[in-house]
Amino acid sequence: MVKPIAFADNLAKTPLAERVNQLQKTAPDTDQRQAAQIADALRVQKHREAQPTEKTDEAIIHRDKEHAQQESKEKKQEKDADKEKKSGLDVTG
């Protein structure tokens, strides 16, 4: 037979044991939820920060500028050649 003191002690400890068991069951879900929140916060932070540009973009811009400068030089040379032809001087010979 069970002593009355042990029986009361067991009844008092039952809610605590149930609470511990419940926390142990939900611990993996809680860990997963926290990991998802951290990953989401990192993703948002990464999108807010400016990303450095690659050097390929810079090379394309410089190539375009050089191409435009070369075209303007060629046009200027053509204008100069046309002016010389109109003035009657032949520089090529």
N, C-alpha and C. Protein backbone atom coordinates (compact mmCIF):
# COMPACT_ATOMS: atom_id res chain seq x y z
N MET A 1 0.82 -1.16 0.00
CA MET A 1 0.00 0.00 0.00
C MET A 1 0.88 1.26 0.00
N VAL A 2 0.38 2.32 -0.60
CA VAL A 2 1.13 3.56 -0.76
C VAL A 2 0.87 4.45 0.45
N LYS A 3 1.93 5.03 0.93
CA LYS A 3 1.80 5.95 2.05
C LYS A 3 1.13 7.24 1.57
N PRO A 4 0.34 7.89 2.38
CA PRO A 4 -0.34 9.11 1.98
C PRO A 4 0.62 10.25 1.60
N ILE A 5 1.77 10.33 2.24
CA ILE A 5 2.73 11.41 1.94
C ILE A 5 3.33 11.20 0.55
N ALA A 6 3.70 9.98 0.22
CA ALA A 6 4.27 9.68 -1.09
C ALA A 6 3.25 9.92 -2.19
N PHE A 7 1.99 9.60 -1.91
CA PHE A 7 0.94 9.79 -2.89
C PHE A 7 0.75 11.29 -3.18
N ALA A 8 0.73 12.12 -2.18
CA ALA A 8 0.59 13.57 -2.35
C ALA A 8 1.81 14.15 -3.06
N ASP A 9 2.97 13.62 -2.75
CA ASP A 9 4.20 14.09 -3.39
C ASP A 9 4.17 13.76 -4.88
N ASN A 10 3.72 12.57 -5.21
CA ASN A 10 3.63 12.18 -6.63
C ASN A 10 2.62 13.04 -7.38
N LEU A 11 1.52 13.36 -6.77
CA LEU A 11 0.51 14.21 -7.42
C LEU A 11 1.06 15.63 -7.64
N ALA A 12 1.85 16.11 -6.73
CA ALA A 12 2.41 17.45 -6.85
C ALA A 12 3.45 17.51 -7.96
N LYS A 13 4.17 16.43 -8.17
CA LYS A 13 5.23 16.41 -9.19
C LYS A 13 4.70 16.11 -10.59
N THR A 14 3.52 15.60 -10.74
CA THR A 14 2.99 15.21 -12.04
C THR A 14 2.88 16.38 -13.01
N PRO A 15 2.35 17.54 -12.66
CA PRO A 15 2.28 18.66 -13.62
C PRO A 15 3.67 19.10 -14.09
N LEU A 16 4.64 19.09 -13.20
CA LEU A 16 5.99 19.47 -13.59
C LEU A 16 6.57 18.47 -14.59
N ALA A 17 6.35 17.19 -14.34
CA ALA A 17 6.85 16.18 -15.27
C ALA A 17 6.18 16.30 -16.63
N GLU A 18 4.88 16.57 -16.61
CA GLU A 18 4.18 16.75 -17.88
C GLU A 18 4.71 17.97 -18.63
N ARG A 19 5.00 19.04 -17.90
CA ARG A 19 5.52 20.25 -18.52
C ARG A 19 6.91 19.98 -19.12
N VAL A 20 7.75 19.26 -18.41
CA VAL A 20 9.08 18.92 -18.92
C VAL A 20 8.96 18.07 -20.18
N ASN A 21 8.09 17.09 -20.16
CA ASN A 21 7.89 16.24 -21.34
C ASN A 21 7.39 17.05 -22.53
N GLN A 22 6.48 17.96 -22.25
CA GLN A 22 5.94 18.79 -23.34
C GLN A 22 7.03 19.68 -23.91
N LEU A 23 7.88 20.26 -23.07
CA LEU A 23 8.97 21.11 -23.55
C LEU A 23 9.98 20.30 -24.37
N GLN A 24 10.24 19.09 -23.95
CA GLN A 24 11.17 18.24 -24.70
C GLN A 24 10.61 17.86 -26.06
N LYS A 25 9.31 17.69 -26.14
CA LYS A 25 8.69 17.36 -27.42
C LYS A 25 8.70 18.56 -28.38
N THR A 26 8.52 19.75 -27.85
CA THR A 26 8.46 20.93 -28.70
C THR A 26 9.83 21.56 -28.95
N ALA A 27 10.87 21.08 -28.30
CA ALA A 27 12.20 21.67 -28.47
C ALA A 27 12.68 21.65 -29.93
N PRO A 28 12.55 20.53 -30.64
CA PRO A 28 13.01 20.55 -32.05
C PRO A 28 12.25 21.57 -32.90
N ASP A 29 10.94 21.70 -32.67
CA ASP A 29 10.16 22.68 -33.42
C ASP A 29 10.62 24.10 -33.11
N THR A 30 10.90 24.35 -31.85
CA THR A 30 11.37 25.67 -31.44
C THR A 30 12.73 25.98 -32.06
N ASP A 31 13.62 25.00 -32.06
CA ASP A 31 14.94 25.20 -32.66
C ASP A 31 14.82 25.49 -34.15
N GLN A 32 13.95 24.74 -34.82
CA GLN A 32 13.77 24.94 -36.25
C GLN A 32 13.18 26.33 -36.53
N ARG A 33 12.24 26.74 -35.72
CA ARG A 33 11.61 28.05 -35.90
C ARG A 33 12.64 29.17 -35.69
N GLN A 34 13.48 29.02 -34.67
CA GLN A 34 14.50 30.04 -34.43
C GLN A 34 15.52 30.09 -35.56
N ALA A 35 15.91 28.93 -36.08
CA ALA A 35 16.86 28.90 -37.20
C ALA A 35 16.25 29.56 -38.44
N ALA A 36 14.97 29.33 -38.67
CA ALA A 36 14.30 29.95 -39.81
C ALA A 36 14.23 31.47 -39.65
N GLN A 37 13.98 31.94 -38.43
CA GLN A 37 13.92 33.37 -38.19
C GLN A 37 15.29 34.01 -38.40
N ILE A 38 16.34 33.36 -37.94
CA ILE A 38 17.70 33.89 -38.12
C ILE A 38 18.05 33.93 -39.60
N ALA A 39 17.73 32.86 -40.34
CA ALA A 39 18.02 32.82 -41.77
C ALA A 39 17.25 33.91 -42.51
N ASP A 40 16.01 34.14 -42.13
CA ASP A 40 15.21 35.18 -42.77
C ASP A 40 15.78 36.56 -42.48
N ALA A 41 16.22 36.79 -41.25
CA ALA A 41 16.81 38.08 -40.90
C ALA A 41 18.11 38.32 -41.68
N LEU A 42 18.92 37.29 -41.84
CA LEU A 42 20.15 37.41 -42.62
C LEU A 42 19.87 37.69 -44.09
N ARG A 43 18.84 37.04 -44.61
CA ARG A 43 18.46 37.26 -46.01
C ARG A 43 18.02 38.70 -46.24
N VAL A 44 17.21 39.22 -45.33
CA VAL A 44 16.74 40.60 -45.45
C VAL A 44 17.92 41.57 -45.34
N GLN A 45 18.83 41.30 -44.41
CA GLN A 45 19.99 42.17 -44.24
C GLN A 45 20.87 42.15 -45.49
N LYS A 46 21.04 40.98 -46.08
CA LYS A 46 21.87 40.85 -47.28
C LYS A 46 21.27 41.63 -48.45
N HIS A 47 19.95 41.63 -48.56
CA HIS A 47 19.30 42.36 -49.65
C HIS A 47 19.37 43.86 -49.44
N ARG A 48 19.45 44.31 -48.20
CA ARG A 48 19.52 45.74 -47.93
C ARG A 48 20.90 46.30 -48.20
N GLU A 49 21.93 45.49 -48.06
CA GLU A 49 23.30 45.96 -48.25
C GLU A 49 23.62 46.05 -49.74
N ALA A 50 24.43 47.00 -50.10
CA ALA A 50 24.84 47.17 -51.49
C ALA A 50 25.89 46.13 -51.83
N GLN A 51 25.74 45.54 -52.99
CA GLN A 51 26.69 44.54 -53.45
C GLN A 51 27.76 45.22 -54.30
N PRO A 52 29.02 44.85 -54.13
CA PRO A 52 30.07 45.46 -54.96
C PRO A 52 29.92 45.04 -56.42
N THR A 53 30.23 45.97 -57.31
CA THR A 53 30.12 45.66 -58.74
C THR A 53 31.31 44.83 -59.19
N GLU A 54 31.09 44.10 -60.25
CA GLU A 54 32.17 43.28 -60.79
C GLU A 54 33.02 44.12 -61.74
N LYS A 55 34.24 43.69 -61.96
CA LYS A 55 35.15 44.42 -62.83
C LYS A 55 34.73 44.32 -64.29
N THR A 56 33.93 43.32 -64.65
CA THR A 56 33.51 43.18 -66.05
C THR A 56 32.66 44.36 -66.47
N ASP A 57 31.81 44.87 -65.57
CA ASP A 57 31.01 46.04 -65.90
C ASP A 57 31.89 47.24 -66.19
N GLU A 58 32.92 47.39 -65.40
CA GLU A 58 33.84 48.51 -65.58
C GLU A 58 34.55 48.41 -66.92
N ALA A 59 34.95 47.20 -67.30
CA ALA A 59 35.64 47.01 -68.58
C ALA A 59 34.72 47.34 -69.75
N ILE A 60 33.48 46.99 -69.66
CA ILE A 60 32.53 47.28 -70.73
C ILE A 60 32.34 48.79 -70.85
N ILE A 61 32.23 49.47 -69.74
CA ILE A 61 32.05 50.92 -69.78
C ILE A 61 33.26 51.59 -70.42
N HIS A 62 34.47 51.17 -70.02
CA HIS A 62 35.68 51.76 -70.59
C HIS A 62 35.77 51.47 -72.09
N ARG A 63 35.40 50.26 -72.49
CA ARG A 63 35.46 49.92 -73.91
C ARG A 63 34.48 50.79 -74.69
N ASP A 64 33.30 51.03 -74.15
CA ASP A 64 32.33 51.88 -74.83
C ASP A 64 32.84 53.32 -74.94
N LYS A 65 33.47 53.82 -73.88
CA LYS A 65 34.01 55.18 -73.92
C LYS A 65 35.12 55.28 -74.95
N GLU A 66 36.00 54.28 -74.99
CA GLU A 66 37.09 54.29 -75.97
C GLU A 66 36.55 54.25 -77.39
N HIS A 67 35.52 53.45 -77.58
CA HIS A 67 34.91 53.34 -78.91
C HIS A 67 34.31 54.69 -79.32
N ALA A 68 33.64 55.36 -78.41
CA ALA A 68 33.05 56.67 -78.71
C ALA A 68 34.13 57.70 -79.00
N GLN A 69 35.22 57.67 -78.23
CA GLN A 69 36.32 58.60 -78.47
C GLN A 69 36.96 58.35 -79.82
N GLN A 70 37.11 57.09 -80.18
CA GLN A 70 37.73 56.75 -81.46
C GLN A 70 36.84 57.23 -82.61
N GLU A 71 35.54 57.07 -82.47
CA GLU A 71 34.63 57.53 -83.51
C GLU A 71 34.70 59.05 -83.66
N SER A 72 34.77 59.75 -82.53
CA SER A 72 34.84 61.21 -82.62
C SER A 72 36.15 61.65 -83.27
N LYS A 73 37.24 60.95 -83.01
CA LYS A 73 38.52 61.27 -83.65
C LYS A 73 38.45 61.04 -85.15
N GLU A 74 37.83 59.93 -85.56
CA GLU A 74 37.70 59.63 -86.98
C GLU A 74 36.85 60.69 -87.69
N LYS A 75 35.78 61.12 -87.04
CA LYS A 75 34.93 62.16 -87.64
C LYS A 75 35.69 63.47 -87.78
N LYS A 76 36.49 63.78 -86.77
CA LYS A 76 37.28 65.01 -86.81
C LYS A 76 38.30 64.93 -87.94
N GLN A 77 38.94 63.78 -88.12
CA GLN A 77 39.91 63.62 -89.21
C GLN A 77 39.24 63.74 -90.56
N GLU A 78 38.02 63.19 -90.68
CA GLU A 78 37.29 63.29 -91.94
C GLU A 78 36.94 64.76 -92.24
N LYS A 79 36.54 65.50 -91.19
CA LYS A 79 36.22 66.91 -91.39
C LYS A 79 37.46 67.68 -91.83
N ASP A 80 38.59 67.39 -91.19
CA ASP A 80 39.84 68.06 -91.55
C ASP A 80 40.22 67.74 -92.99
N ALA A 81 40.05 66.49 -93.40
CA ALA A 81 40.38 66.09 -94.77
C ALA A 81 39.46 66.78 -95.76
N ASP A 82 38.19 66.89 -95.42
CA ASP A 82 37.24 67.58 -96.30
C ASP A 82 37.59 69.06 -96.44
N LYS A 83 38.00 69.69 -95.35
CA LYS A 83 38.39 71.11 -95.39
C LYS A 83 39.61 71.31 -96.27
N GLU A 84 40.57 70.38 -96.19
CA GLU A 84 41.79 70.50 -96.99
C GLU A 84 41.48 70.31 -98.47
N LYS A 85 40.56 69.40 -98.79
CA LYS A 85 40.18 69.20 -100.19
C LYS A 85 39.48 70.42 -100.73
N LYS A 86 38.64 71.05 -99.91
CA LYS A 86 37.93 72.24 -100.36
C LYS A 86 38.89 73.41 -100.55
N SER A 87 39.94 73.46 -99.79
CA SER A 87 40.88 74.58 -99.92
C SER A 87 41.83 74.37 -101.08
N GLY A 88 41.86 73.14 -101.63
CA GLY A 88 42.69 72.89 -102.79
C GLY A 88 44.06 72.33 -102.45
N LEU A 89 44.34 72.13 -101.23
CA LEU A 89 45.64 71.56 -100.85
C LEU A 89 45.53 70.05 -100.81
N ASP A 90 46.54 69.37 -101.35
CA ASP A 90 46.57 67.92 -101.32
C ASP A 90 47.70 67.51 -100.40
N VAL A 91 47.36 67.01 -99.23
CA VAL A 91 48.34 66.66 -98.22
C VAL A 91 48.79 65.22 -98.40
N THR A 92 48.03 64.40 -99.06
CA THR A 92 48.32 62.97 -99.16
C THR A 92 49.52 62.69 -100.05
N GLY A 93 49.86 63.51 -101.00
CA GLY A 93 50.85 63.25 -102.00
C GLY A 93 52.22 63.51 -101.57
